[in-house]
Amino acid sequence: MPIRVEHRPSRASVDFLVRCYRFVVCEWPRAEREQVRDEGFEQRFRESCHRELHDWNISAEQEFHLGAGLDTASGVAHEVDIIARHTDLTAIVEMKNRSGVLPGKNDVIVFFAKILDYLAANPMILSNDVCLAFMSRNSFEARGIAACLGLGIHPVAPDLRPLPILVDNAWRMQFELNQGLQIPSNLMERFDDFCAQLNRLSAELNDTWLDNRCGYLSENSILLKAVWPPEVDSLAHQLRQVSGECSEILNAFKVSKKAKES
């Protein structure tokens, strides 16, 4: 089954989320730790963004004005961990590295409330695409993933690829097939099922993403569309499952491609 998602992620959003995922999977386990509360989790990621994301503007440490001198509707400034700006996208990230405590639904809701407080006072934020991400060193509580999906936030953890990365991986594998890569029939069946699951997830979550839920109306007004609540608990389970399946299928594709080249 070909990949046919409802909302094709922008290249900038995929690039940024790949940076998030590679950091938690590959870089943080080997990173130098600091004697601070999060062991330097946020600072090491900020450094990786400066190093790897060219043509992006990365916010400074302890940023209370969304990286652009912005105030909130409440008048109370909120610290947001990372704000990364590209010509086509604003990425806003919350990061948690807590020993023995996984991010849960309340952590996610507080993050979303901060963003709404900024949007209510600064509608122009929505004049470009906005990508919300929540990064965890370990994983998430099940309800934390569910809250992320219901509020249009991409959860990122070592065991959890964000949906845009899963979709991008599927397109890359489909490209290899279109180029003539031969894979075993059982792997083809798994790939078809993988694409079908991504299509379903994309359709169910399409209206939850911030760009589809909120929009710029004027310099002092935003549009907010009511969204029928998706079955987020089931979708959270599916996302975790399909993320694990992606790792196995990618490895099998690499084996087939290596065999073809040898």
C-alpha atoms as a PDB file:
ATOM      1  CA  MET A   1       0.000   0.000   0.000  1.00  0.00           C
ATOM      2  CA  PRO A   2       1.482   3.399  -0.936  1.00  0.00           C
ATOM      3  CA  ILE A   3       1.933   6.031   1.738  1.00  0.00           C
ATOM      4  CA  ARG A   4      -0.898   8.564   1.418  1.00  0.00           C
ATOM      5  CA  VAL A   5      -0.956  10.817   4.454  1.00  0.00           C
ATOM      6  CA  GLU A   6      -3.453  13.586   5.072  1.00  0.00           C
ATOM      7  CA  HIS A   7      -0.877  16.202   6.012  1.00  0.00           C
ATOM      8  CA  ARG A   8       2.561  16.005   4.396  1.00  0.00           C
ATOM      9  CA  PRO A   9       5.099  17.506   6.809  1.00  0.00           C
ATOM     10  CA  SER A  10       7.349  20.289   5.548  1.00  0.00           C
ATOM     11  CA  ARG A  11      11.018  19.548   4.924  1.00  0.00           C
ATOM     12  CA  ALA A  12      11.963  21.981   7.687  1.00  0.00           C
ATOM     13  CA  SER A  13       9.770  20.225  10.266  1.00  0.00           C
ATOM     14  CA  VAL A  14      11.178  16.813   9.315  1.00  0.00           C
ATOM     15  CA  ASP A  15      14.751  18.121   9.509  1.00  0.00           C
ATOM     16  CA  PHE A  16      14.164  19.594  12.948  1.00  0.00           C
ATOM     17  CA  LEU A  17      12.417  16.517  14.343  1.00  0.00           C
ATOM     18  CA  VAL A  18      15.201  14.301  12.965  1.00  0.00           C
ATOM     19  CA  ARG A  19      17.667  16.478  14.904  1.00  0.00           C
ATOM     20  CA  CYS A  20      15.566  15.950  18.062  1.00  0.00           C
ATOM     21  CA  TYR A  21      15.371  12.185  17.568  1.00  0.00           C
ATOM     22  CA  ARG A  22      19.050  11.708  16.707  1.00  0.00           C
ATOM     23  CA  PHE A  23      20.006  13.676  19.788  1.00  0.00           C
ATOM     24  CA  VAL A  24      18.031  11.540  22.257  1.00  0.00           C
ATOM     25  CA  VAL A  25      18.961   8.258  20.545  1.00  0.00           C
ATOM     26  CA  CYS A  26      22.586   8.725  19.468  1.00  0.00           C
ATOM     27  CA  GLU A  27      24.122  11.803  21.079  1.00  0.00           C
ATOM     28  CA  TRP A  28      22.771  12.191  24.597  1.00  0.00           C
ATOM     29  CA  PRO A  29      23.899   8.714  25.796  1.00  0.00           C
ATOM     30  CA  ARG A  30      27.505   9.757  25.025  1.00  0.00           C
ATOM     31  CA  ALA A  31      27.197  13.443  25.972  1.00  0.00           C
ATOM     32  CA  GLU A  32      29.089  15.086  28.821  1.00  0.00           C
ATOM     33  CA  ARG A  33      26.922  15.438  31.929  1.00  0.00           C
ATOM     34  CA  GLU A  34      26.762  18.541  34.103  1.00  0.00           C
ATOM     35  CA  GLN A  35      26.019  18.986  37.804  1.00  0.00           C
ATOM     36  CA  VAL A  36      22.640  20.613  37.186  1.00  0.00           C
ATOM     37  CA  ARG A  37      19.071  19.383  37.504  1.00  0.00           C
ATOM     38  CA  ASP A  38      18.729  18.060  33.945  1.00  0.00           C
ATOM     39  CA  GLU A  39      22.407  16.996  33.692  1.00  0.00           C
ATOM     40  CA  GLY A  40      22.892  19.379  30.769  1.00  0.00           C
ATOM     41  CA  PHE A  41      20.194  17.756  28.608  1.00  0.00           C
ATOM     42  CA  GLU A  42      18.863  21.085  27.316  1.00  0.00           C
ATOM     43  CA  GLN A  43      22.266  22.712  26.868  1.00  0.00           C
ATOM     44  CA  ARG A  44      23.770  19.766  24.961  1.00  0.00           C
ATOM     45  CA  PHE A  45      20.757  19.776  22.622  1.00  0.00           C
ATOM     46  CA  ARG A  46      21.050  23.529  22.082  1.00  0.00           C
ATOM     47  CA  GLU A  47      24.709  23.050  21.176  1.00  0.00           C
ATOM     48  CA  SER A  48      23.798  20.286  18.719  1.00  0.00           C
ATOM     49  CA  CYS A  49      21.252  22.580  17.056  1.00  0.00           C
ATOM     50  CA  HIS A  50      23.872  25.316  16.632  1.00  0.00           C
ATOM     51  CA  ARG A  51      26.270  22.748  15.203  1.00  0.00           C
ATOM     52  CA  GLU A  52      23.926  20.856  12.864  1.00  0.00           C
ATOM     53  CA  LEU A  53      21.033  23.153  11.920  1.00  0.00           C
ATOM     54  CA  HIS A  54      22.454  25.676   9.477  1.00  0.00           C
ATOM     55  CA  ASP A  55      20.278  28.685   8.548  1.00  0.00           C
ATOM     56  CA  TRP A  56      18.284  28.273  11.778  1.00  0.00           C
ATOM     57  CA  ASN A  57      18.072  30.800  14.618  1.00  0.00           C
ATOM     58  CA  ILE A  58      18.299  29.012  17.996  1.00  0.00           C
ATOM     59  CA  SER A  59      17.109  30.691  21.195  1.00  0.00           C
ATOM     60  CA  ALA A  60      19.457  31.508  24.068  1.00  0.00           C
ATOM     61  CA  GLU A  61      19.384  29.774  27.455  1.00  0.00           C
ATOM     62  CA  GLN A  62      16.559  30.702  29.856  1.00  0.00           C
ATOM     63  CA  GLU A  63      14.473  32.404  27.187  1.00  0.00           C
ATOM     64  CA  PHE A  64      11.302  33.990  28.612  1.00  0.00           C
ATOM     65  CA  HIS A  65       9.997  35.754  25.491  1.00  0.00           C
ATOM     66  CA  LEU A  66       9.712  32.926  22.932  1.00  0.00           C
ATOM     67  CA  GLY A  67      13.012  33.936  21.357  1.00  0.00           C
ATOM     68  CA  ALA A  68      11.547  37.074  19.787  1.00  0.00           C
ATOM     69  CA  GLY A  69      10.937  39.548  22.593  1.00  0.00           C
ATOM     70  CA  LEU A  70       7.261  38.542  22.854  1.00  0.00           C
ATOM     71  CA  ASP A  71       4.911  39.041  25.791  1.00  0.00           C
ATOM     72  CA  THR A  72       2.055  36.769  26.834  1.00  0.00           C
ATOM     73  CA  ALA A  73      -1.675  37.492  27.051  1.00  0.00           C
ATOM     74  CA  SER A  74      -1.546  36.771  30.801  1.00  0.00           C
ATOM     75  CA  GLY A  75       1.341  39.165  31.361  1.00  0.00           C
ATOM     76  CA  VAL A  76       3.320  36.324  32.944  1.00  0.00           C
ATOM     77  CA  ALA A  77       6.462  35.337  31.031  1.00  0.00           C
ATOM     78  CA  HIS A  78       7.004  31.602  30.500  1.00  0.00           C
ATOM     79  CA  GLU A  79      10.329  29.905  29.983  1.00  0.00           C
ATOM     80  CA  VAL A  80      10.336  27.635  26.925  1.00  0.00           C
ATOM     81  CA  ASP A  81      13.363  25.377  26.568  1.00  0.00           C
ATOM     82  CA  ILE A  82      14.207  25.662  22.858  1.00  0.00           C
ATOM     83  CA  ILE A  83      12.837  27.883  20.085  1.00  0.00           C
ATOM     84  CA  ALA A  84      14.303  27.233  16.626  1.00  0.00           C
ATOM     85  CA  ARG A  85      13.347  29.540  13.772  1.00  0.00           C
ATOM     86  CA  HIS A  86      13.708  28.812  10.062  1.00  0.00           C
ATOM     87  CA  THR A  87      12.415  30.891   7.151  1.00  0.00           C
ATOM     88  CA  ASP A  88       9.509  28.410   6.803  1.00  0.00           C
ATOM     89  CA  LEU A  89       8.969  27.246  10.371  1.00  0.00           C
ATOM     90  CA  THR A  90       9.042  28.016  14.072  1.00  0.00           C
ATOM     91  CA  ALA A  91       9.832  24.946  16.196  1.00  0.00           C
ATOM     92  CA  ILE A  92       9.077  25.131  19.925  1.00  0.00           C
ATOM     93  CA  VAL A  93      10.392  22.410  22.231  1.00  0.00           C
ATOM     94  CA  GLU A  94       9.859  21.331  25.827  1.00  0.00           C
ATOM     95  CA  MET A  95      12.544  19.016  27.260  1.00  0.00           C
ATOM     96  CA  LYS A  96      12.430  16.716  30.290  1.00  0.00           C
ATOM     97  CA  ASN A  97      15.238  14.691  31.819  1.00  0.00           C
ATOM     98  CA  ARG A  98      13.985  13.579  35.207  1.00  0.00           C
ATOM     99  CA  SER A  99      15.344  10.521  36.941  1.00  0.00           C
ATOM    100  CA  GLY A 100      12.594   8.013  37.654  1.00  0.00           C
ATOM    101  CA  VAL A 101       9.744  10.283  36.502  1.00  0.00           C
ATOM    102  CA  LEU A 102       8.417  10.060  32.949  1.00  0.00           C
ATOM    103  CA  PRO A 103       6.613  13.042  31.398  1.00  0.00           C
ATOM    104  CA  GLY A 104       2.860  12.711  31.876  1.00  0.00           C
ATOM    105  CA  LYS A 105      -0.256  14.451  30.676  1.00  0.00           C
ATOM    106  CA  ASN A 106       0.081  17.389  33.087  1.00  0.00           C
ATOM    107  CA  ASP A 107       3.575  18.202  31.790  1.00  0.00           C
ATOM    108  CA  VAL A 108       2.209  18.237  28.248  1.00  0.00           C
ATOM    109  CA  ILE A 109      -0.833  20.358  29.108  1.00  0.00           C
ATOM    110  CA  VAL A 110       1.304  22.968  30.886  1.00  0.00           C
ATOM    111  CA  PHE A 111       3.548  23.210  27.809  1.00  0.00           C
ATOM    112  CA  PHE A 112       0.523  23.671  25.529  1.00  0.00           C
ATOM    113  CA  ALA A 113      -0.929  26.327  27.852  1.00  0.00           C
ATOM    114  CA  LYS A 114       2.317  28.308  27.622  1.00  0.00           C
ATOM    115  CA  ILE A 115       2.095  28.271  23.830  1.00  0.00           C
ATOM    116  CA  LEU A 116      -1.543  29.393  23.824  1.00  0.00           C
ATOM    117  CA  ASP A 117      -0.660  32.256  26.171  1.00  0.00           C
ATOM    118  CA  TYR A 118       1.930  33.482  23.659  1.00  0.00           C
ATOM    119  CA  LEU A 119      -0.373  32.942  20.657  1.00  0.00           C
ATOM    120  CA  ALA A 120      -3.217  34.884  22.264  1.00  0.00           C
ATOM    121  CA  ALA A 121      -0.988  37.960  22.449  1.00  0.00           C
ATOM    122  CA  ASN A 122       0.986  37.391  19.245  1.00  0.00           C
ATOM    123  CA  PRO A 123      -1.166  36.070  16.364  1.00  0.00           C
ATOM    124  CA  MET A 124       1.665  36.716  13.889  1.00  0.00           C
ATOM    125  CA  ILE A 125       3.403  33.578  15.211  1.00  0.00           C
ATOM    126  CA  LEU A 126       0.827  31.651  13.164  1.00  0.00           C
ATOM    127  CA  SER A 127       1.688  33.439   9.920  1.00  0.00           C
ATOM    128  CA  ASN A 128       4.337  30.709   9.430  1.00  0.00           C
ATOM    129  CA  ASP A 129       4.187  26.991  10.187  1.00  0.00           C
ATOM    130  CA  VAL A 130       4.653  26.034  13.839  1.00  0.00           C
ATOM    131  CA  CYS A 131       5.999  22.686  15.032  1.00  0.00           C
ATOM    132  CA  LEU A 132       5.557  21.712  18.694  1.00  0.00           C
ATOM    133  CA  ALA A 133       7.757  18.967  20.129  1.00  0.00           C
ATOM    134  CA  PHE A 134       8.213  17.420  23.572  1.00  0.00           C
ATOM    135  CA  MET A 135      11.535  15.619  24.120  1.00  0.00           C
ATOM    136  CA  SER A 136      12.170  13.068  26.853  1.00  0.00           C
ATOM    137  CA  ARG A 137      15.450  11.373  27.720  1.00  0.00           C
ATOM    138  CA  ASN A 138      13.711   8.073  28.458  1.00  0.00           C
ATOM    139  CA  SER A 139      10.115   7.744  27.339  1.00  0.00           C
ATOM    140  CA  PHE A 140       6.646   8.967  28.298  1.00  0.00           C
ATOM    141  CA  GLU A 141       3.800   7.793  30.442  1.00  0.00           C
ATOM    142  CA  ALA A 142       1.087   6.418  28.161  1.00  0.00           C
ATOM    143  CA  ARG A 143      -1.194   9.353  29.008  1.00  0.00           C
ATOM    144  CA  GLY A 144       1.662  11.746  28.250  1.00  0.00           C
ATOM    145  CA  ILE A 145       1.870  10.432  24.676  1.00  0.00           C
ATOM    146  CA  ALA A 146      -1.924  10.574  24.405  1.00  0.00           C
ATOM    147  CA  ALA A 147      -1.969  14.213  25.541  1.00  0.00           C
ATOM    148  CA  CYS A 148       0.761  15.089  23.028  1.00  0.00           C
ATOM    149  CA  LEU A 149      -1.209  13.594  20.160  1.00  0.00           C
ATOM    150  CA  GLY A 150      -4.486  15.191  21.221  1.00  0.00           C
ATOM    151  CA  LEU A 151      -2.856  18.631  21.431  1.00  0.00           C
ATOM    152  CA  GLY A 152      -0.802  18.414  18.235  1.00  0.00           C
ATOM    153  CA  ILE A 153       2.580  18.008  19.919  1.00  0.00           C
ATOM    154  CA  HIS A 154       5.208  15.594  18.579  1.00  0.00           C
ATOM    155  CA  PRO A 155       6.546  13.320  21.369  1.00  0.00           C
ATOM    156  CA  VAL A 156      10.226  12.427  20.911  1.00  0.00           C
ATOM    157  CA  ALA A 157      12.025   9.724  22.904  1.00  0.00           C
ATOM    158  CA  PRO A 158      14.521   6.929  22.227  1.00  0.00           C
ATOM    159  CA  ASP A 159      11.636   4.498  21.720  1.00  0.00           C
ATOM    160  CA  LEU A 160       9.366   6.940  19.911  1.00  0.00           C
ATOM    161  CA  ARG A 161       9.806   8.490  16.480  1.00  0.00           C
ATOM    162  CA  PRO A 162       7.498  11.447  15.717  1.00  0.00           C
ATOM    163  CA  LEU A 163       4.920  10.763  13.011  1.00  0.00           C
ATOM    164  CA  PRO A 164       6.603  13.049  10.383  1.00  0.00           C
ATOM    165  CA  ILE A 165       9.820  11.026  10.713  1.00  0.00           C
ATOM    166  CA  LEU A 166       7.909   7.758  10.320  1.00  0.00           C
ATOM    167  CA  VAL A 167       6.231   9.120   7.196  1.00  0.00           C
ATOM    168  CA  ASP A 168       9.549  10.372   5.812  1.00  0.00           C
ATOM    169  CA  ASN A 169      11.127   6.960   6.441  1.00  0.00           C
ATOM    170  CA  ALA A 170       8.254   5.282   4.595  1.00  0.00           C
ATOM    171  CA  TRP A 171       8.735   7.567   1.583  1.00  0.00           C
ATOM    172  CA  ARG A 172      12.457   6.813   1.558  1.00  0.00           C
ATOM    173  CA  MET A 173      11.808   3.077   1.607  1.00  0.00           C
ATOM    174  CA  GLN A 174       9.202   3.425  -1.134  1.00  0.00           C
ATOM    175  CA  PHE A 175      11.780   5.326  -3.205  1.00  0.00           C
ATOM    176  CA  GLU A 176      14.174   2.380  -2.904  1.00  0.00           C
ATOM    177  CA  LEU A 177      11.435   0.020  -4.085  1.00  0.00           C
ATOM    178  CA  ASN A 178      10.680   2.326  -7.021  1.00  0.00           C
ATOM    179  CA  GLN A 179      14.397   2.216  -7.881  1.00  0.00           C
ATOM    180  CA  GLY A 180      14.198  -1.554  -8.198  1.00  0.00           C
ATOM    181  CA  LEU A 181      15.138  -2.807  -4.750  1.00  0.00           C
ATOM    182  CA  GLN A 182      13.921  -6.390  -4.319  1.00  0.00           C
ATOM    183  CA  ILE A 183      12.812  -7.441  -0.841  1.00  0.00           C
ATOM    184  CA  PRO A 184      11.340 -10.717   0.473  1.00  0.00           C
ATOM    185  CA  SER A 185       7.569 -11.109   0.156  1.00  0.00           C
ATOM    186  CA  ASN A 186       7.063 -11.232   3.931  1.00  0.00           C
ATOM    187  CA  LEU A 187       8.949  -7.935   4.297  1.00  0.00           C
ATOM    188  CA  MET A 188       6.805  -6.407   1.546  1.00  0.00           C
ATOM    189  CA  GLU A 189       3.691  -7.420   3.482  1.00  0.00           C
ATOM    190  CA  ARG A 190       5.092  -5.822   6.640  1.00  0.00           C
ATOM    191  CA  PHE A 191       5.938  -2.643   4.744  1.00  0.00           C
ATOM    192  CA  ASP A 192       2.437  -2.455   3.260  1.00  0.00           C
ATOM    193  CA  ASP A 193       0.913  -2.871   6.722  1.00  0.00           C
ATOM    194  CA  PHE A 194       3.315  -0.245   8.097  1.00  0.00           C
ATOM    195  CA  CYS A 195       2.178   2.254   5.439  1.00  0.00           C
ATOM    196  CA  ALA A 196      -1.477   1.458   6.126  1.00  0.00           C
ATOM    197  CA  GLN A 197      -0.964   2.166   9.830  1.00  0.00           C
ATOM    198  CA  LEU A 198       0.741   5.485   9.035  1.00  0.00           C
ATOM    199  CA  ASN A 199      -2.130   6.444   6.736  1.00  0.00           C
ATOM    200  CA  ARG A 200      -4.630   5.727   9.517  1.00  0.00           C
ATOM    201  CA  LEU A 201      -2.629   7.620  12.132  1.00  0.00           C
ATOM    202  CA  SER A 202      -2.224  10.585   9.818  1.00  0.00           C
ATOM    203  CA  ALA A 203      -5.938  10.722   9.043  1.00  0.00           C
ATOM    204  CA  GLU A 204      -6.910  10.488  12.720  1.00  0.00           C
ATOM    205  CA  LEU A 205      -4.441  13.170  13.835  1.00  0.00           C
ATOM    206  CA  ASN A 206      -4.695  15.562  10.894  1.00  0.00           C
ATOM    207  CA  ASP A 207      -6.878  18.141  12.659  1.00  0.00           C
ATOM    208  CA  THR A 208      -4.885  18.140  15.897  1.00  0.00           C
ATOM    209  CA  TRP A 209      -1.696  19.742  14.552  1.00  0.00           C
ATOM    210  CA  LEU A 210      -1.392  23.386  15.533  1.00  0.00           C
ATOM    211  CA  ASP A 211      -1.312  24.627  11.927  1.00  0.00           C
ATOM    212  CA  ASN A 212      -4.661  22.900  11.280  1.00  0.00           C
ATOM    213  CA  ARG A 213      -6.239  23.835  14.619  1.00  0.00           C
ATOM    214  CA  CYS A 214      -5.133  27.492  14.843  1.00  0.00           C
ATOM    215  CA  GLY A 215      -4.623  30.209  12.252  1.00  0.00           C
ATOM    216  CA  TYR A 216      -3.692  33.866  11.870  1.00  0.00           C
ATOM    217  CA  LEU A 217      -6.737  36.140  11.400  1.00  0.00           C
ATOM    218  CA  SER A 218      -5.346  39.613  12.063  1.00  0.00           C
ATOM    219  CA  GLU A 219      -2.675  41.339  14.110  1.00  0.00           C
ATOM    220  CA  ASN A 220      -4.888  41.000  17.196  1.00  0.00           C
ATOM    221  CA  SER A 221      -6.981  37.894  16.400  1.00  0.00           C
ATOM    222  CA  ILE A 222      -6.427  34.176  15.909  1.00  0.00           C
ATOM    223  CA  LEU A 223      -8.693  31.477  14.522  1.00  0.00           C
ATOM    224  CA  LEU A 224      -9.288  28.442  16.704  1.00  0.00           C
ATOM    225  CA  LYS A 225     -11.092  25.458  15.209  1.00  0.00           C
ATOM    226  CA  ALA A 226     -12.980  23.035  17.433  1.00  0.00           C
ATOM    227  CA  VAL A 227     -11.676  19.501  16.942  1.00  0.00           C
ATOM    228  CA  TRP A 228     -13.620  16.339  17.695  1.00  0.00           C
ATOM    229  CA  PRO A 229     -11.420  14.488  20.216  1.00  0.00           C
ATOM    230  CA  PRO A 230      -9.622  11.511  18.612  1.00  0.00           C
ATOM    231  CA  GLU A 231      -9.181   8.200  20.430  1.00  0.00           C
ATOM    232  CA  VAL A 232      -5.797   9.299  21.697  1.00  0.00           C
ATOM    233  CA  ASP A 233      -5.147   6.389  24.074  1.00  0.00           C
ATOM    234  CA  SER A 234      -5.456   3.932  21.213  1.00  0.00           C
ATOM    235  CA  LEU A 235      -3.470   6.208  18.892  1.00  0.00           C
ATOM    236  CA  ALA A 236      -0.681   6.529  21.480  1.00  0.00           C
ATOM    237  CA  HIS A 237      -0.398   2.738  21.606  1.00  0.00           C
ATOM    238  CA  GLN A 238      -0.380   2.573  17.804  1.00  0.00           C
ATOM    239  CA  LEU A 239       2.328   5.243  17.511  1.00  0.00           C
ATOM    240  CA  ARG A 240       4.596   3.405  19.936  1.00  0.00           C
ATOM    241  CA  GLN A 241       3.946   0.125  18.108  1.00  0.00           C
ATOM    242  CA  VAL A 242       4.549   1.515  14.611  1.00  0.00           C
ATOM    243  CA  SER A 243       7.717   3.263  15.781  1.00  0.00           C
ATOM    244  CA  GLY A 244       9.153  -0.071  16.903  1.00  0.00           C
ATOM    245  CA  GLU A 245       8.047  -1.673  13.654  1.00  0.00           C
ATOM    246  CA  CYS A 246       9.794   1.093  11.707  1.00  0.00           C
ATOM    247  CA  SER A 247      13.151   0.241  13.286  1.00  0.00           C
ATOM    248  CA  GLU A 248      12.842  -3.419  12.317  1.00  0.00           C
ATOM    249  CA  ILE A 249      11.682  -2.713   8.750  1.00  0.00           C
ATOM    250  CA  LEU A 250      14.422  -0.115   8.188  1.00  0.00           C
ATOM    251  CA  ASN A 251      17.068  -2.610   9.282  1.00  0.00           C
ATOM    252  CA  ALA A 252      15.614  -5.269   6.952  1.00  0.00           C
ATOM    253  CA  PHE A 253      15.635  -2.796   4.027  1.00  0.00           C
ATOM    254  CA  LYS A 254      19.282  -1.984   4.742  1.00  0.00           C
ATOM    255  CA  VAL A 255      20.154  -5.684   4.659  1.00  0.00           C
ATOM    256  CA  SER A 256      18.374  -6.102   1.309  1.00  0.00           C
ATOM    257  CA  LYS A 257      20.057  -3.008  -0.149  1.00  0.00           C
ATOM    258  CA  LYS A 258      23.488  -4.169   1.017  1.00  0.00           C
ATOM    259  CA  ALA A 259      22.899  -7.584  -0.551  1.00  0.00           C
ATOM    260  CA  LYS A 260      21.934  -5.909  -3.833  1.00  0.00           C
ATOM    261  CA  GLU A 261      25.100  -3.789  -3.848  1.00  0.00           C
ATOM    262  CA  SER A 262      27.448  -6.665  -3.029  1.00  0.00           C
END
